[in-house]
Amino acid sequence: MIKVLRAKLHGLRVTGCDLHYHGSITLDPAYCRAAGIVPLEFVEIWNKNSGARIETYVIYGEPGSGCCILNGAAARTCQKGDELIIAASEYAAAPAELLHIRPRVLTFAGDNAIEDVLEYEVTEDAAYGYAFCVKKSDAF
């Protein structure tokens, strides 16, 4: 089994921190739906400003709000305005399954507006076994 990327929110800015909440990350459900991230799913969060790396679960916030709020202990790892990468993963039984996985990646502008919707694609390559490319997606 190998752990592989399934969905990613790249460059989403923190809109708030709530230390006294029960825990998790609150995200705009429109972003989650577009990327394929579901409530209670565990995600890895990488803070581009501080280098902090954490894991927590997703809860949905107000639709259309553009929210990205770190709650509980996770609130200690960031500040409002920090740029994050949020990644959801899945397990593949064998590397050959990579040929059928198309991670959806959303990139964001400074105001948390979606800039691009991308898909990662792995194909077979005679010289190296696999090739990797990024494709713009029209689906959103």
Protein backbone atom coordinates (compact mmCIF):
# COMPACT_ATOMS: atom_id res chain seq x y z
CA MET A 1 0.00 0.00 0.00
CA ILE A 2 1.16 3.51 -0.78
CA LYS A 3 -0.33 6.76 0.49
CA VAL A 4 -1.16 9.12 -2.38
CA LEU A 5 -2.66 12.57 -2.81
CA ARG A 6 -6.41 12.64 -3.47
CA ALA A 7 -7.31 16.34 -3.16
CA LYS A 8 -5.51 19.58 -2.35
CA LEU A 9 -6.30 23.20 -1.49
CA HIS A 10 -3.12 25.12 -2.36
CA GLY A 11 -2.49 28.64 -1.08
CA LEU A 12 -5.67 29.04 0.98
CA ARG A 13 -5.27 31.83 3.55
CA VAL A 14 -6.22 31.46 7.21
CA THR A 15 -9.24 33.64 7.99
CA GLY A 16 -9.36 32.93 11.72
CA CYS A 17 -8.17 30.92 14.70
CA ASP A 18 -10.34 29.69 17.58
CA LEU A 19 -8.25 28.18 20.37
CA HIS A 20 -11.27 27.35 22.54
CA TYR A 21 -13.17 25.37 19.92
CA HIS A 22 -13.26 21.58 20.13
CA GLY A 23 -10.68 21.11 17.38
CA SER A 24 -10.43 20.74 13.61
CA ILE A 25 -10.27 23.02 10.59
CA THR A 26 -13.39 24.82 9.39
CA LEU A 27 -13.52 25.19 5.61
CA ASP A 28 -15.93 26.70 3.10
CA PRO A 29 -17.93 23.69 1.83
CA ALA A 30 -17.81 25.08 -1.73
CA TYR A 31 -14.02 24.59 -1.72
CA CYS A 32 -14.36 21.13 -0.24
CA ARG A 33 -16.96 20.04 -2.76
CA ALA A 34 -14.88 21.32 -5.68
CA ALA A 35 -11.81 19.43 -4.44
CA GLY A 36 -13.65 16.35 -3.13
CA ILE A 37 -12.98 16.79 0.61
CA VAL A 38 -15.72 15.58 2.95
CA PRO A 39 -16.67 16.47 6.55
CA LEU A 40 -14.76 14.59 9.26
CA GLU A 41 -12.05 13.58 6.78
CA PHE A 42 -8.53 13.87 8.14
CA VAL A 43 -6.27 16.22 6.20
CA GLU A 44 -2.66 17.26 6.45
CA ILE A 45 -2.03 20.99 6.74
CA TRP A 46 1.26 22.61 5.82
CA ASN A 47 1.77 26.25 6.80
CA LYS A 48 3.90 27.99 4.16
CA ASN A 49 4.62 30.90 6.51
CA SER A 50 5.81 29.03 9.59
CA GLY A 51 6.65 25.59 8.23
CA ALA A 52 4.28 23.97 10.74
CA ARG A 53 2.79 20.64 9.70
CA ILE A 54 -0.29 19.25 11.41
CA GLU A 55 -3.11 16.81 10.83
CA THR A 56 -6.73 17.35 11.82
CA TYR A 57 -10.24 16.71 10.54
CA VAL A 58 -12.47 18.91 8.40
CA ILE A 59 -15.74 20.51 9.39
CA TYR A 60 -17.81 22.65 7.08
CA GLY A 61 -18.33 26.35 7.73
CA GLU A 62 -20.64 28.87 6.12
CA PRO A 63 -21.07 28.22 2.37
CA GLY A 64 -19.60 31.00 0.25
CA SER A 65 -17.73 32.54 3.21
CA GLY A 66 -14.23 31.68 1.99
CA CYS A 67 -13.44 30.57 5.53
CA CYS A 68 -10.36 28.68 6.66
CA ILE A 69 -10.38 28.62 10.46
CA LEU A 70 -7.98 26.58 12.59
CA ASN A 71 -9.63 25.39 15.81
CA GLY A 72 -8.42 24.01 19.13
CA ALA A 73 -4.73 23.08 19.37
CA ALA A 74 -4.37 23.66 15.61
CA ALA A 75 -5.01 27.37 16.24
CA ARG A 76 -1.56 27.57 17.84
CA THR A 77 0.12 26.67 14.53
CA CYS A 78 -0.97 29.66 12.47
CA GLN A 79 -2.00 33.28 12.30
CA LYS A 80 -4.69 34.99 10.29
CA GLY A 81 -3.37 35.53 6.77
CA ASP A 82 -0.96 32.56 6.75
CA GLU A 83 -0.92 30.63 3.50
CA LEU A 84 -1.71 26.92 3.79
CA ILE A 85 -1.60 23.78 1.74
CA ILE A 86 -4.34 21.35 2.78
CA ALA A 87 -4.02 17.81 1.44
CA ALA A 88 -6.34 14.81 1.60
CA SER A 89 -4.95 11.38 0.80
CA GLU A 90 -5.97 7.83 0.10
CA TYR A 91 -4.22 4.49 -0.09
CA ALA A 92 -3.47 2.66 -3.32
CA ALA A 93 -2.79 -1.06 -3.21
CA ALA A 94 -0.07 -0.80 -5.86
CA PRO A 95 1.69 1.91 -7.87
CA ALA A 96 -0.24 0.83 -11.00
CA GLU A 97 -3.38 2.32 -9.39
CA LEU A 98 -1.81 5.77 -9.87
CA LEU A 99 -2.93 5.54 -13.49
CA HIS A 100 -6.57 5.80 -12.32
CA ILE A 101 -6.24 8.49 -9.62
CA ARG A 102 -6.86 12.12 -10.64
CA PRO A 103 -6.31 14.39 -7.63
CA ARG A 104 -8.27 17.65 -7.85
CA VAL A 105 -6.18 20.67 -6.84
CA LEU A 106 -7.59 24.15 -6.21
CA THR A 107 -5.22 27.12 -6.14
CA PHE A 108 -6.18 30.38 -4.46
CA ALA A 109 -5.62 34.11 -4.85
CA GLY A 110 -4.79 36.30 -1.84
CA ASP A 111 -8.49 36.92 -1.11
CA ASN A 112 -9.25 33.16 -1.04
CA ALA A 113 -10.93 33.27 -4.45
CA ILE A 114 -10.31 30.14 -6.49
CA GLU A 115 -7.67 30.91 -9.12
CA ASP A 116 -7.36 27.56 -10.87
CA VAL A 117 -8.78 24.07 -10.72
CA LEU A 118 -6.15 21.52 -11.69
CA GLU A 119 -5.89 17.77 -12.00
CA TYR A 120 -2.73 15.77 -11.51
CA GLU A 121 -2.25 12.87 -13.88
CA VAL A 122 0.15 9.94 -13.84
CA THR A 123 0.70 8.00 -17.07
CA GLU A 124 2.96 5.16 -18.09
CA ASP A 125 6.37 6.08 -19.47
CA ALA A 126 8.68 3.58 -21.16
CA ALA A 127 11.89 5.24 -19.93
CA TYR A 128 10.95 5.97 -16.30
CA GLY A 129 7.94 3.79 -15.56
CA TYR A 130 5.65 6.74 -14.86
CA ALA A 131 5.22 10.30 -16.07
CA PHE A 132 3.48 13.15 -14.22
CA CYS A 133 1.63 16.18 -15.56
CA VAL A 134 -0.67 18.94 -14.35
CA LYS A 135 -3.78 19.72 -16.37
CA LYS A 136 -6.17 22.64 -16.04
CA SER A 137 -9.69 21.46 -15.38
CA ASP A 138 -12.82 23.13 -16.68
CA ALA A 139 -14.95 21.39 -14.06
CA PHE A 140 -16.00 23.60 -11.18
